[in-house]
Every structure is written in C-alpha cells, then in structure tokens.
Amino acid sequence: MSMALQLSSRQWIENVGKVIGTGPNFKLFREEKGLKEEDGLSLFMKTPGSLVTAGTNFISPDITEFICEVEMAVIIGKRAERVSEAEAADYIAGYALANDMTASSHWDNGRFKMFDQMTPIGPVISADKVRDHQNITLEMRVNGEPVQKDSTASMLYPVNWLISHISHITALNPYDVILTGTPSNPKVCAIGDVIELRSPELGEFRHRIALVGAGERYEG
C-alpha cells in the first residue's frame, strides 16, 4: 500500500525520527559469523543524522576504519504499534537501497553506528511498485569491483517479521527507517572510494566517501 508521504525529494530524510538496524540477517553471512537460528537477531539504533541522500557523504576524521554494507531500507508509512506479521506490509511506504556503514575503528567504545552521514540512502521506490520485497536482488560494487550480491530471499528474518517484531519493542512512525540486513562479504573501504548500490527492482545509487571539510562533492 502506497502512503501519502513526501518521498520524491532528497529532503524526506529531514522527517525521519529513528533509524533501526538489524544484525546479521542473511543466512550465509550468519554462517560466516558462526550464528545459529537460536542465537536470534540483534537490533541497533542509528541517528537520523546518519542518513544522507547526496552523492557524497562526508565522514568524521575520527573514523580511521569503516565497513560498507548494501542493504534494503524499509520506510514506514503510518504509525505501527504492536502490529502482526500478517498486517505488517500495510505499514510500508517504500523501499530504498542503503549503505549501512560501520565505523569499525570504534568497536571498542560503542560508537561504531553513531556517526553522522554513515547511512547513504538512495531514491525511495513506492511500496506499490515493488511486487515482492522478499525477492529483491542487492549488489554492491566498490570502485567498479563487485563485492556483495544476494537476494532478500536469503533473509532468515523476513521484512514483515522485522516490522512486527520491532513494533512490539517501540512504536514505528511515518518516515522511520528499518535497515533489514546485509549479505555476506561486507567491505572495508577507504576515503575516496566510490560505492555503487544496485538492484533490478530498486534501481541504482552511487556515492563517494570523503572527509568532513574536504569541500568537494560527487554527484552519482
């Protein structure tokens, strides 16, 4: 169901109240990390300031190592509080490609998901334009080199389950963003790298990573 949210311009992220990320959710990635189904799924929060829709994201010089991860983002269209898995899809306004970046140099102090401009996100595709959100191909290339590729069919915890589960923990509001997990082989990247996120169903989004104060822009 398509919601009457203003998602066609890059300014929609100014309305986001929260960004909720999921831990390893793709089956192969979980296997690589030695996680079993009974280990469950971890969740984390990122700030709305982590979102950036421009062609360049400027990250803090305090980050000395970071990881890039292609993900499908789900944008919530109406308030969802303790909704069932069966009705969860009715609360989706749209989908987008996103790079859920991790400041891996800050694992030890808990700041690894807290920095601004660490979630570049592409144009939003209206929910009514996506036939099956559990059959979306996700691909990431770094400087033209393919590094990640998988389908949302490989998720252990599907999108409708995630929405229901999260809505029983905290109410979801219009424009809130859920990052649904990344395939195996997330990539350690560097300043100046050009990241391409691709999906036949969700389009393409390209951005370049720069330092705060670098003063240049890259429009993908």
N, C-alpha and C. Protein backbone atom coordinates (compact mmCIF):
# COMPACT_ATOMS: atom_id res chain seq x y z
N MET A 1 0.85 -1.20 0.00
CA MET A 1 0.00 0.00 0.00
C MET A 1 0.89 1.24 0.00
N SER A 2 0.66 2.14 -0.95
CA SER A 2 1.44 3.37 -1.03
C SER A 2 0.89 4.41 -0.06
N MET A 3 1.77 5.08 0.69
CA MET A 3 1.35 6.07 1.67
C MET A 3 1.55 7.47 1.10
N ALA A 4 0.80 8.44 1.63
CA ALA A 4 0.88 9.81 1.15
C ALA A 4 2.00 10.56 1.86
N LEU A 5 3.22 10.04 1.77
CA LEU A 5 4.37 10.72 2.34
C LEU A 5 5.13 11.41 1.22
N GLN A 6 5.87 12.46 1.57
CA GLN A 6 6.66 13.18 0.59
C GLN A 6 8.03 12.52 0.49
N LEU A 7 8.15 11.55 -0.40
CA LEU A 7 9.38 10.75 -0.51
C LEU A 7 10.11 10.97 -1.83
N SER A 8 9.58 11.85 -2.67
CA SER A 8 10.16 12.01 -4.01
C SER A 8 11.39 12.91 -4.03
N SER A 9 11.59 13.73 -3.00
CA SER A 9 12.77 14.61 -2.96
C SER A 9 13.75 14.11 -1.91
N ARG A 10 14.97 14.60 -2.01
CA ARG A 10 16.00 14.18 -1.06
C ARG A 10 15.76 14.69 0.35
N GLN A 11 14.87 15.66 0.48
CA GLN A 11 14.64 16.27 1.79
C GLN A 11 13.77 15.41 2.71
N TRP A 12 13.26 14.28 2.21
CA TRP A 12 12.37 13.47 3.06
C TRP A 12 13.08 12.99 4.33
N ILE A 13 14.41 12.86 4.28
CA ILE A 13 15.12 12.36 5.46
C ILE A 13 15.03 13.33 6.64
N GLU A 14 14.66 14.59 6.39
CA GLU A 14 14.51 15.55 7.49
C GLU A 14 13.34 15.19 8.40
N ASN A 15 12.45 14.32 7.92
CA ASN A 15 11.28 13.92 8.70
C ASN A 15 11.50 12.62 9.48
N VAL A 16 12.66 12.01 9.32
CA VAL A 16 12.91 10.71 9.96
C VAL A 16 13.09 10.88 11.47
N GLY A 17 12.38 10.06 12.24
CA GLY A 17 12.52 10.08 13.69
C GLY A 17 13.55 9.12 14.21
N LYS A 18 13.65 7.95 13.59
CA LYS A 18 14.64 6.97 14.02
C LYS A 18 15.02 6.05 12.88
N VAL A 19 16.22 5.52 12.99
CA VAL A 19 16.75 4.54 12.04
C VAL A 19 17.10 3.30 12.86
N ILE A 20 16.51 2.18 12.50
CA ILE A 20 16.72 0.94 13.24
C ILE A 20 17.42 -0.06 12.33
N GLY A 21 18.54 -0.56 12.79
CA GLY A 21 19.30 -1.53 12.03
C GLY A 21 19.18 -2.93 12.61
N THR A 22 19.45 -3.91 11.78
CA THR A 22 19.41 -5.30 12.22
C THR A 22 20.80 -5.91 12.12
N GLY A 23 21.10 -6.81 13.03
CA GLY A 23 22.36 -7.55 12.98
C GLY A 23 22.33 -8.53 11.82
N PRO A 24 23.30 -9.43 11.75
CA PRO A 24 23.34 -10.38 10.63
C PRO A 24 22.00 -11.08 10.41
N ASN A 25 21.46 -10.92 9.20
CA ASN A 25 20.14 -11.46 8.89
C ASN A 25 20.16 -12.37 7.67
N PHE A 26 21.19 -12.23 6.82
CA PHE A 26 21.30 -13.10 5.65
C PHE A 26 21.97 -14.41 6.06
N LYS A 27 21.45 -15.51 5.56
CA LYS A 27 21.84 -16.83 6.06
C LYS A 27 23.34 -17.10 5.91
N LEU A 28 23.91 -16.79 4.75
CA LEU A 28 25.33 -17.06 4.55
C LEU A 28 26.19 -16.19 5.46
N PHE A 29 25.81 -14.94 5.62
CA PHE A 29 26.57 -14.04 6.50
C PHE A 29 26.51 -14.54 7.94
N ARG A 30 25.35 -15.02 8.37
CA ARG A 30 25.23 -15.57 9.72
C ARG A 30 26.12 -16.81 9.88
N GLU A 31 26.15 -17.65 8.85
CA GLU A 31 27.01 -18.84 8.91
C GLU A 31 28.47 -18.44 9.04
N GLU A 32 28.87 -17.41 8.29
CA GLU A 32 30.25 -16.95 8.35
C GLU A 32 30.62 -16.45 9.74
N LYS A 33 29.64 -15.90 10.44
CA LYS A 33 29.87 -15.40 11.79
C LYS A 33 29.61 -16.45 12.87
N GLY A 34 29.26 -17.65 12.45
CA GLY A 34 29.04 -18.73 13.41
C GLY A 34 27.75 -18.59 14.19
N LEU A 35 26.76 -17.88 13.64
CA LEU A 35 25.49 -17.68 14.32
C LEU A 35 24.50 -18.76 13.93
N LYS A 36 23.77 -19.27 14.91
CA LYS A 36 22.72 -20.25 14.66
C LYS A 36 21.36 -19.56 14.79
N GLU A 37 20.31 -20.23 14.30
CA GLU A 37 18.99 -19.63 14.34
C GLU A 37 18.57 -19.31 15.77
N GLU A 38 18.95 -20.18 16.71
CA GLU A 38 18.56 -19.96 18.10
C GLU A 38 19.29 -18.77 18.74
N ASP A 39 20.31 -18.25 18.05
CA ASP A 39 21.01 -17.07 18.57
C ASP A 39 20.18 -15.80 18.43
N GLY A 40 19.13 -15.87 17.64
CA GLY A 40 18.25 -14.72 17.49
C GLY A 40 18.85 -13.61 16.63
N LEU A 41 18.21 -12.46 16.66
CA LEU A 41 18.61 -11.32 15.83
C LEU A 41 18.84 -10.11 16.72
N SER A 42 19.96 -9.43 16.50
CA SER A 42 20.25 -8.21 17.26
C SER A 42 19.72 -7.00 16.51
N LEU A 43 19.37 -5.97 17.26
CA LEU A 43 18.92 -4.70 16.70
C LEU A 43 19.79 -3.58 17.24
N PHE A 44 19.90 -2.48 16.50
CA PHE A 44 20.64 -1.31 16.97
C PHE A 44 20.00 -0.07 16.40
N MET A 45 20.33 1.06 16.98
CA MET A 45 19.80 2.35 16.53
C MET A 45 20.90 3.18 15.88
N LYS A 46 20.53 3.89 14.83
CA LYS A 46 21.38 4.92 14.26
C LYS A 46 20.61 6.24 14.33
N THR A 47 21.31 7.35 14.32
CA THR A 47 20.62 8.64 14.41
C THR A 47 20.09 9.05 13.03
N PRO A 48 19.03 9.87 12.98
CA PRO A 48 18.58 10.40 11.70
C PRO A 48 19.68 11.14 10.95
N GLY A 49 20.63 11.73 11.71
CA GLY A 49 21.75 12.42 11.08
C GLY A 49 22.70 11.51 10.33
N SER A 50 22.54 10.21 10.48
CA SER A 50 23.37 9.27 9.73
C SER A 50 22.93 9.19 8.27
N LEU A 51 21.70 9.58 7.99
CA LEU A 51 21.17 9.48 6.63
C LEU A 51 21.68 10.60 5.74
N VAL A 52 22.02 10.26 4.53
CA VAL A 52 22.45 11.26 3.55
C VAL A 52 22.02 10.77 2.17
N THR A 53 21.41 11.66 1.39
CA THR A 53 20.91 11.30 0.07
C THR A 53 21.75 11.87 -1.07
N ALA A 54 22.73 12.70 -0.76
CA ALA A 54 23.56 13.33 -1.78
C ALA A 54 24.59 12.35 -2.33
N GLY A 55 25.30 12.78 -3.36
CA GLY A 55 26.28 11.91 -4.00
C GLY A 55 27.58 11.77 -3.26
N THR A 56 27.78 12.55 -2.21
CA THR A 56 28.98 12.44 -1.37
C THR A 56 28.54 12.38 0.08
N ASN A 57 29.10 11.45 0.85
CA ASN A 57 28.90 11.51 2.30
C ASN A 57 30.22 11.87 2.95
N PHE A 58 30.18 12.87 3.82
CA PHE A 58 31.38 13.39 4.48
C PHE A 58 31.44 12.81 5.90
N ILE A 59 32.43 11.98 6.15
CA ILE A 59 32.50 11.31 7.44
C ILE A 59 33.57 11.95 8.33
N SER A 60 33.45 11.68 9.62
CA SER A 60 34.34 12.28 10.62
C SER A 60 35.77 11.78 10.47
N PRO A 61 36.76 12.66 10.62
CA PRO A 61 38.16 12.21 10.60
C PRO A 61 38.51 11.33 11.79
N ASP A 62 37.61 11.26 12.78
CA ASP A 62 37.84 10.37 13.92
C ASP A 62 37.67 8.90 13.53
N ILE A 63 37.07 8.65 12.37
CA ILE A 63 36.87 7.28 11.90
C ILE A 63 38.07 6.88 11.05
N THR A 64 38.85 5.94 11.54
CA THR A 64 40.06 5.52 10.82
C THR A 64 39.86 4.23 10.04
N GLU A 65 38.79 3.51 10.30
CA GLU A 65 38.45 2.30 9.53
C GLU A 65 36.94 2.18 9.48
N PHE A 66 36.41 1.83 8.30
CA PHE A 66 34.96 1.70 8.20
C PHE A 66 34.61 0.63 7.17
N ILE A 67 33.42 0.06 7.37
CA ILE A 67 32.93 -1.04 6.55
C ILE A 67 31.67 -0.59 5.83
N CYS A 68 31.54 -0.97 4.56
CA CYS A 68 30.36 -0.67 3.76
C CYS A 68 29.51 -1.92 3.58
N GLU A 69 28.18 -1.76 3.65
CA GLU A 69 27.26 -2.88 3.60
C GLU A 69 26.01 -2.48 2.82
N VAL A 70 25.72 -3.15 1.70
CA VAL A 70 24.49 -2.86 0.98
C VAL A 70 23.31 -3.48 1.73
N GLU A 71 22.22 -2.73 1.80
CA GLU A 71 21.02 -3.22 2.47
C GLU A 71 19.78 -2.65 1.78
N MET A 72 18.66 -3.32 1.99
CA MET A 72 17.37 -2.77 1.60
C MET A 72 16.78 -2.04 2.81
N ALA A 73 16.49 -0.76 2.61
CA ALA A 73 15.85 0.02 3.66
C ALA A 73 14.35 0.02 3.44
N VAL A 74 13.61 -0.09 4.53
CA VAL A 74 12.15 -0.02 4.51
C VAL A 74 11.74 1.30 5.17
N ILE A 75 10.90 2.07 4.49
CA ILE A 75 10.42 3.34 5.04
C ILE A 75 8.97 3.14 5.49
N ILE A 76 8.72 3.45 6.75
CA ILE A 76 7.41 3.26 7.33
C ILE A 76 6.45 4.38 6.91
N GLY A 77 5.19 4.00 6.62
CA GLY A 77 4.23 4.97 6.10
C GLY A 77 3.19 5.45 7.08
N LYS A 78 2.94 4.69 8.12
CA LYS A 78 1.96 5.11 9.13
C LYS A 78 2.34 4.46 10.46
N ARG A 79 1.82 5.02 11.54
CA ARG A 79 2.21 4.56 12.87
C ARG A 79 1.92 3.06 13.02
N ALA A 80 2.93 2.34 13.46
CA ALA A 80 2.82 0.90 13.66
C ALA A 80 3.19 0.57 15.10
N GLU A 81 2.22 0.09 15.84
CA GLU A 81 2.45 -0.25 17.24
C GLU A 81 1.85 -1.63 17.51
N ARG A 82 2.72 -2.59 17.82
CA ARG A 82 2.31 -3.95 18.13
C ARG A 82 1.46 -4.54 17.01
N VAL A 83 1.95 -4.41 15.77
CA VAL A 83 1.22 -4.94 14.62
C VAL A 83 1.61 -6.40 14.41
N SER A 84 0.75 -7.14 13.76
CA SER A 84 1.02 -8.55 13.47
C SER A 84 1.87 -8.68 12.22
N GLU A 85 2.51 -9.82 12.07
CA GLU A 85 3.29 -10.07 10.87
C GLU A 85 2.40 -10.07 9.63
N ALA A 86 1.17 -10.55 9.76
CA ALA A 86 0.26 -10.64 8.63
C ALA A 86 -0.13 -9.26 8.09
N GLU A 87 -0.18 -8.26 8.95
CA GLU A 87 -0.60 -6.92 8.52
C GLU A 87 0.58 -5.97 8.33
N ALA A 88 1.80 -6.42 8.58
CA ALA A 88 2.96 -5.54 8.59
C ALA A 88 3.18 -4.81 7.26
N ALA A 89 2.95 -5.49 6.14
CA ALA A 89 3.20 -4.88 4.83
C ALA A 89 2.33 -3.64 4.60
N ASP A 90 1.19 -3.56 5.29
CA ASP A 90 0.30 -2.41 5.12
C ASP A 90 0.91 -1.13 5.67
N TYR A 91 2.01 -1.24 6.41
CA TYR A 91 2.63 -0.09 7.05
C TYR A 91 3.86 0.41 6.29
N ILE A 92 4.14 -0.19 5.16
CA ILE A 92 5.33 0.18 4.38
C ILE A 92 4.97 1.23 3.35
N ALA A 93 5.71 2.35 3.36
CA ALA A 93 5.53 3.39 2.35
C ALA A 93 6.41 3.16 1.13
N GLY A 94 7.62 2.63 1.37
CA GLY A 94 8.53 2.44 0.26
C GLY A 94 9.81 1.75 0.66
N TYR A 95 10.68 1.58 -0.33
CA TYR A 95 11.94 0.86 -0.15
C TYR A 95 13.06 1.67 -0.82
N ALA A 96 14.27 1.47 -0.34
CA ALA A 96 15.42 2.15 -0.94
C ALA A 96 16.68 1.33 -0.71
N LEU A 97 17.65 1.51 -1.57
CA LEU A 97 18.98 0.94 -1.34
C LEU A 97 19.71 1.81 -0.32
N ALA A 98 20.44 1.19 0.58
CA ALA A 98 21.18 1.94 1.59
C ALA A 98 22.52 1.28 1.86
N ASN A 99 23.47 2.10 2.26
CA ASN A 99 24.78 1.61 2.69
C ASN A 99 24.87 1.80 4.20
N ASP A 100 24.69 0.71 4.93
CA ASP A 100 24.74 0.76 6.40
C ASP A 100 26.20 0.70 6.83
N MET A 101 26.87 1.85 6.81
CA MET A 101 28.29 1.90 7.12
C MET A 101 28.55 1.72 8.62
N THR A 102 29.64 1.06 8.92
CA THR A 102 30.04 0.79 10.30
C THR A 102 31.42 1.38 10.54
N ALA A 103 31.54 2.17 11.60
CA ALA A 103 32.86 2.71 11.98
C ALA A 103 33.59 1.65 12.79
N SER A 104 34.23 0.72 12.09
CA SER A 104 34.84 -0.43 12.75
C SER A 104 36.01 -0.04 13.65
N SER A 105 36.56 1.14 13.47
CA SER A 105 37.63 1.60 14.36
C SER A 105 37.10 1.98 15.74
N HIS A 106 35.77 1.96 15.90
CA HIS A 106 35.17 2.32 17.19
C HIS A 106 34.37 1.16 17.80
N TRP A 107 34.72 -0.07 17.43
CA TRP A 107 34.04 -1.23 18.02
C TRP A 107 34.13 -1.19 19.54
N ASP A 108 35.28 -0.84 20.06
CA ASP A 108 35.53 -0.99 21.50
C ASP A 108 34.84 0.07 22.36
N ASN A 109 34.45 1.21 21.77
CA ASN A 109 33.84 2.26 22.59
C ASN A 109 32.35 2.45 22.31
N GLY A 110 31.76 1.56 21.51
CA GLY A 110 30.32 1.58 21.28
C GLY A 110 29.81 2.61 20.32
N ARG A 111 30.72 3.36 19.66
CA ARG A 111 30.28 4.43 18.76
C ARG A 111 30.19 3.98 17.30
N PHE A 112 30.34 2.71 17.03
CA PHE A 112 30.53 2.25 15.65
C PHE A 112 29.32 2.48 14.74
N LYS A 113 28.13 2.74 15.30
CA LYS A 113 26.96 3.03 14.47
C LYS A 113 26.39 4.43 14.73
N MET A 114 27.13 5.28 15.45
CA MET A 114 26.58 6.55 15.92
C MET A 114 26.92 7.76 15.07
N PHE A 115 27.86 7.66 14.17
CA PHE A 115 28.36 8.84 13.46
C PHE A 115 27.39 9.34 12.39
N ASP A 116 27.45 10.65 12.16
CA ASP A 116 26.65 11.27 11.10
C ASP A 116 27.12 10.81 9.72
N GLN A 117 26.19 10.87 8.77
CA GLN A 117 26.44 10.60 7.35
C GLN A 117 27.04 9.21 7.11
N MET A 118 26.66 8.26 7.94
CA MET A 118 27.15 6.89 7.78
C MET A 118 26.06 5.94 7.27
N THR A 119 24.96 6.54 6.73
CA THR A 119 23.94 5.72 6.07
C THR A 119 23.49 6.39 4.78
N PRO A 120 24.33 6.41 3.76
CA PRO A 120 23.88 6.91 2.46
C PRO A 120 22.69 6.08 1.97
N ILE A 121 21.66 6.77 1.46
CA ILE A 121 20.44 6.09 1.06
C ILE A 121 19.95 6.62 -0.28
N GLY A 122 19.51 5.72 -1.13
CA GLY A 122 19.11 6.09 -2.48
C GLY A 122 17.66 6.53 -2.58
N PRO A 123 17.21 6.79 -3.81
CA PRO A 123 15.82 7.20 -4.05
C PRO A 123 14.84 6.14 -3.54
N VAL A 124 13.71 6.60 -3.04
CA VAL A 124 12.69 5.70 -2.49
C VAL A 124 11.77 5.21 -3.62
N ILE A 125 11.55 3.91 -3.65
CA ILE A 125 10.61 3.30 -4.57
C ILE A 125 9.33 3.02 -3.80
N SER A 126 8.21 3.53 -4.30
CA SER A 126 6.93 3.37 -3.62
C SER A 126 6.60 1.88 -3.44
N ALA A 127 6.00 1.55 -2.31
CA ALA A 127 5.70 0.15 -1.99
C ALA A 127 4.82 -0.50 -3.06
N ASP A 128 3.93 0.27 -3.66
CA ASP A 128 3.05 -0.33 -4.66
C ASP A 128 3.75 -0.62 -5.98
N LYS A 129 5.02 -0.22 -6.09
CA LYS A 129 5.81 -0.52 -7.30
C LYS A 129 6.67 -1.77 -7.12
N VAL A 130 6.68 -2.32 -5.92
CA VAL A 130 7.52 -3.49 -5.61
C VAL A 130 6.60 -4.70 -5.42
N ARG A 131 6.76 -5.67 -6.28
CA ARG A 131 5.86 -6.83 -6.27
C ARG A 131 6.10 -7.73 -5.07
N ASP A 132 7.37 -7.97 -4.74
CA ASP A 132 7.69 -8.92 -3.67
C ASP A 132 8.97 -8.48 -2.98
N HIS A 133 8.85 -7.93 -1.77
CA HIS A 133 10.06 -7.44 -1.10
C HIS A 133 10.95 -8.56 -0.58
N GLN A 134 10.50 -9.80 -0.68
CA GLN A 134 11.36 -10.94 -0.33
C GLN A 134 11.98 -11.59 -1.55
N ASN A 135 12.03 -10.84 -2.64
CA ASN A 135 12.68 -11.32 -3.85
C ASN A 135 13.39 -10.15 -4.54
N ILE A 136 14.20 -9.43 -3.74
CA ILE A 136 14.92 -8.25 -4.21
C ILE A 136 16.41 -8.57 -4.27
N THR A 137 17.02 -8.37 -5.41
CA THR A 137 18.46 -8.58 -5.55
C THR A 137 19.21 -7.34 -5.09
N LEU A 138 20.22 -7.56 -4.25
CA LEU A 138 21.06 -6.47 -3.73
C LEU A 138 22.49 -6.69 -4.16
N GLU A 139 23.12 -5.66 -4.67
CA GLU A 139 24.52 -5.77 -5.11
C GLU A 139 25.28 -4.51 -4.72
N MET A 140 26.52 -4.68 -4.29
CA MET A 140 27.39 -3.53 -4.02
C MET A 140 28.69 -3.68 -4.79
N ARG A 141 29.13 -2.59 -5.40
CA ARG A 141 30.42 -2.51 -6.06
C ARG A 141 31.23 -1.38 -5.44
N VAL A 142 32.51 -1.61 -5.29
CA VAL A 142 33.42 -0.60 -4.76
C VAL A 142 34.45 -0.29 -5.84
N ASN A 143 34.43 0.95 -6.31
CA ASN A 143 35.32 1.36 -7.42
C ASN A 143 35.17 0.43 -8.62
N GLY A 144 33.93 0.01 -8.87
CA GLY A 144 33.63 -0.83 -10.02
C GLY A 144 33.78 -2.32 -9.79
N GLU A 145 34.34 -2.71 -8.65
CA GLU A 145 34.56 -4.13 -8.37
C GLU A 145 33.38 -4.71 -7.59
N PRO A 146 32.73 -5.78 -8.09
CA PRO A 146 31.63 -6.41 -7.34
C PRO A 146 32.15 -7.03 -6.05
N VAL A 147 31.50 -6.73 -4.94
CA VAL A 147 31.93 -7.29 -3.65
C VAL A 147 30.80 -7.97 -2.88
N GLN A 148 29.55 -7.58 -3.12
CA GLN A 148 28.42 -8.20 -2.44
C GLN A 148 27.28 -8.43 -3.44
N LYS A 149 26.62 -9.59 -3.30
CA LYS A 149 25.42 -9.83 -4.11
C LYS A 149 24.62 -10.96 -3.48
N ASP A 150 23.34 -10.72 -3.28
CA ASP A 150 22.45 -11.73 -2.73
C ASP A 150 21.02 -11.23 -2.92
N SER A 151 20.06 -12.05 -2.52
CA SER A 151 18.65 -11.70 -2.61
C SER A 151 18.04 -11.65 -1.23
N THR A 152 17.03 -10.79 -1.07
CA THR A 152 16.33 -10.74 0.20
C THR A 152 15.62 -12.06 0.51
N ALA A 153 15.53 -12.93 -0.47
CA ALA A 153 15.00 -14.28 -0.22
C ALA A 153 15.89 -15.05 0.75
N SER A 154 17.14 -14.60 0.91
CA SER A 154 18.09 -15.27 1.80
C SER A 154 18.02 -14.78 3.23
N MET A 155 17.10 -13.88 3.53
CA MET A 155 16.96 -13.40 4.91
C MET A 155 16.41 -14.51 5.81
N LEU A 156 16.98 -14.62 6.99
CA LEU A 156 16.42 -15.54 7.98
C LEU A 156 15.17 -14.94 8.60
N TYR A 157 15.20 -13.63 8.85
CA TYR A 157 14.05 -12.92 9.42
C TYR A 157 13.49 -11.99 8.35
N PRO A 158 12.36 -12.33 7.74
CA PRO A 158 11.83 -11.53 6.63
C PRO A 158 11.31 -10.17 7.08
N VAL A 159 11.06 -9.32 6.09
CA VAL A 159 10.68 -7.93 6.34
C VAL A 159 9.44 -7.82 7.22
N ASN A 160 8.39 -8.57 6.91
CA ASN A 160 7.15 -8.46 7.69
C ASN A 160 7.38 -8.87 9.14
N TRP A 161 8.23 -9.87 9.35
CA TRP A 161 8.55 -10.28 10.71
C TRP A 161 9.30 -9.15 11.43
N LEU A 162 10.24 -8.53 10.74
CA LEU A 162 11.01 -7.44 11.36
C LEU A 162 10.11 -6.30 11.80
N ILE A 163 9.19 -5.89 10.92
CA ILE A 163 8.30 -4.79 11.28
C ILE A 163 7.46 -5.15 12.50
N SER A 164 6.89 -6.33 12.49
CA SER A 164 6.08 -6.77 13.63
C SER A 164 6.91 -6.83 14.90
N HIS A 165 8.08 -7.45 14.81
CA HIS A 165 8.95 -7.61 15.98
C HIS A 165 9.36 -6.26 16.56
N ILE A 166 9.80 -5.35 15.70
CA ILE A 166 10.24 -4.04 16.18
C ILE A 166 9.08 -3.25 16.76
N SER A 167 7.89 -3.35 16.13
CA SER A 167 6.74 -2.58 16.60
C SER A 167 6.25 -3.04 17.97
N HIS A 168 6.67 -4.23 18.40
CA HIS A 168 6.35 -4.69 19.75
C HIS A 168 7.39 -4.18 20.77
N ILE A 169 8.48 -3.61 20.27
CA ILE A 169 9.52 -3.04 21.14
C ILE A 169 9.37 -1.54 21.25
N THR A 170 9.17 -0.90 20.09
CA THR A 170 9.00 0.55 20.03
C THR A 170 8.05 0.88 18.88
N ALA A 171 7.19 1.85 19.08
CA ALA A 171 6.26 2.25 18.02
C ALA A 171 7.04 2.82 16.84
N LEU A 172 6.63 2.47 15.65
CA LEU A 172 7.22 3.00 14.43
C LEU A 172 6.31 4.09 13.89
N ASN A 173 6.92 5.19 13.45
CA ASN A 173 6.18 6.34 12.95
C ASN A 173 6.49 6.61 11.49
N PRO A 174 5.63 7.36 10.80
CA PRO A 174 5.90 7.69 9.40
C PRO A 174 7.30 8.25 9.21
N TYR A 175 7.97 7.81 8.18
CA TYR A 175 9.33 8.17 7.78
C TYR A 175 10.42 7.40 8.54
N ASP A 176 10.07 6.66 9.59
CA ASP A 176 11.10 5.85 10.24
C ASP A 176 11.68 4.85 9.24
N VAL A 177 12.95 4.51 9.44
CA VAL A 177 13.68 3.65 8.51
C VAL A 177 14.14 2.39 9.22
N ILE A 178 13.91 1.25 8.58
CA ILE A 178 14.44 -0.02 9.06
C ILE A 178 15.45 -0.53 8.04
N LEU A 179 16.66 -0.79 8.50
CA LEU A 179 17.71 -1.40 7.68
C LEU A 179 17.63 -2.90 7.92
N THR A 180 17.43 -3.67 6.85
CA THR A 180 16.98 -5.05 7.01
C THR A 180 18.09 -6.10 6.99
N GLY A 181 19.35 -5.67 6.94
CA GLY A 181 20.46 -6.62 6.98
C GLY A 181 21.24 -6.66 5.69
N THR A 182 22.48 -7.12 5.78
CA THR A 182 23.38 -7.11 4.62
C THR A 182 23.80 -8.53 4.24
N PRO A 183 24.06 -8.76 2.96
CA PRO A 183 24.60 -10.06 2.54
C PRO A 183 26.01 -10.29 3.08
N SER A 184 26.56 -11.44 2.78
CA SER A 184 27.92 -11.76 3.21
C SER A 184 28.94 -10.88 2.49
N ASN A 185 30.14 -10.83 3.03
CA ASN A 185 31.28 -10.13 2.45
C ASN A 185 31.15 -8.61 2.45
N PRO A 186 30.72 -8.00 3.59
CA PRO A 186 30.82 -6.53 3.66
C PRO A 186 32.27 -6.11 3.49
N LYS A 187 32.47 -4.90 2.99
CA LYS A 187 33.79 -4.48 2.52
C LYS A 187 34.39 -3.35 3.37
N VAL A 188 35.64 -3.53 3.80
CA VAL A 188 36.38 -2.43 4.40
C VAL A 188 36.74 -1.46 3.28
N CYS A 189 36.33 -0.20 3.42
CA CYS A 189 36.52 0.78 2.36
C CYS A 189 37.45 1.90 2.82
N ALA A 190 37.71 2.84 1.91
CA ALA A 190 38.67 3.91 2.19
C ALA A 190 38.12 5.23 1.69
N ILE A 191 38.67 6.32 2.23
CA ILE A 191 38.31 7.66 1.76
C ILE A 191 38.60 7.75 0.26
N GLY A 192 37.63 8.28 -0.47
CA GLY A 192 37.76 8.41 -1.92
C GLY A 192 37.11 7.28 -2.70
N ASP A 193 36.75 6.20 -2.02
CA ASP A 193 36.09 5.10 -2.72
C ASP A 193 34.73 5.53 -3.24
N VAL A 194 34.37 5.01 -4.40
CA VAL A 194 33.05 5.21 -4.98
C VAL A 194 32.25 3.92 -4.77
N ILE A 195 31.11 4.06 -4.09
CA ILE A 195 30.28 2.91 -3.75
C ILE A 195 29.05 2.92 -4.65
N GLU A 196 28.82 1.79 -5.31
CA GLU A 196 27.63 1.64 -6.16
C GLU A 196 26.73 0.58 -5.56
N LEU A 197 25.49 0.95 -5.30
CA LEU A 197 24.48 0.02 -4.83
C LEU A 197 23.51 -0.22 -5.99
N ARG A 198 23.22 -1.50 -6.27
CA ARG A 198 22.41 -1.83 -7.43
C ARG A 198 21.33 -2.84 -7.09
N SER A 199 20.21 -2.71 -7.77
CA SER A 199 19.13 -3.68 -7.65
C SER A 199 18.22 -3.54 -8.87
N PRO A 200 17.91 -4.63 -9.56
CA PRO A 200 16.97 -4.53 -10.68
C PRO A 200 15.61 -3.98 -10.26
N GLU A 201 15.23 -4.23 -9.01
CA GLU A 201 13.93 -3.81 -8.51
C GLU A 201 13.94 -2.41 -7.90
N LEU A 202 15.07 -2.00 -7.34
CA LEU A 202 15.14 -0.73 -6.60
C LEU A 202 16.02 0.31 -7.26
N GLY A 203 16.60 0.00 -8.41
CA GLY A 203 17.40 0.96 -9.14
C GLY A 203 18.86 0.96 -8.72
N GLU A 204 19.52 2.11 -8.87
CA GLU A 204 20.94 2.25 -8.56
C GLU A 204 21.16 3.53 -7.75
N PHE A 205 22.19 3.49 -6.92
CA PHE A 205 22.58 4.66 -6.14
C PHE A 205 24.10 4.63 -5.99
N ARG A 206 24.73 5.76 -6.27
CA ARG A 206 26.19 5.85 -6.23
C ARG A 206 26.60 7.01 -5.33
N HIS A 207 27.59 6.77 -4.49
CA HIS A 207 28.11 7.87 -3.67
C HIS A 207 29.61 7.70 -3.46
N ARG A 208 30.27 8.80 -3.15
CA ARG A 208 31.70 8.78 -2.86
C ARG A 208 31.91 9.17 -1.42
N ILE A 209 32.89 8.54 -0.79
CA ILE A 209 33.18 8.79 0.62
C ILE A 209 34.29 9.83 0.73
N ALA A 210 34.05 10.87 1.51
CA ALA A 210 35.03 11.95 1.71
C ALA A 210 35.09 12.31 3.19
N LEU A 211 36.11 13.03 3.57
CA LEU A 211 36.24 13.50 4.94
C LEU A 211 35.49 14.82 5.13
N VAL A 212 34.96 15.04 6.32
CA VAL A 212 34.36 16.33 6.66
C VAL A 212 35.37 17.44 6.39
N GLY A 213 34.94 18.47 5.70
CA GLY A 213 35.82 19.59 5.42
C GLY A 213 36.58 19.44 4.12
N ALA A 214 36.38 18.32 3.42
CA ALA A 214 37.12 18.12 2.18
C ALA A 214 36.66 19.10 1.11
N GLY A 215 35.39 19.51 1.18
CA GLY A 215 34.93 20.62 0.33
C GLY A 215 34.57 20.27 -1.09
N GLU A 216 34.61 19.01 -1.48
CA GLU A 216 34.23 18.67 -2.82
C GLU A 216 33.01 17.76 -2.79
N ARG A 217 32.26 17.77 -3.90
CA ARG A 217 31.06 16.96 -3.98
C ARG A 217 31.15 16.04 -5.18
N TYR A 218 30.47 14.90 -5.02
CA TYR A 218 30.41 13.94 -6.12
C TYR A 218 28.96 13.58 -6.31
N GLU A 219 28.41 13.92 -7.46
CA GLU A 219 27.00 13.61 -7.71
C GLU A 219 26.92 12.32 -8.51
N GLY A 220 26.44 11.25 -7.85
CA GLY A 220 26.36 9.96 -8.52
C GLY A 220 25.16 9.87 -9.43
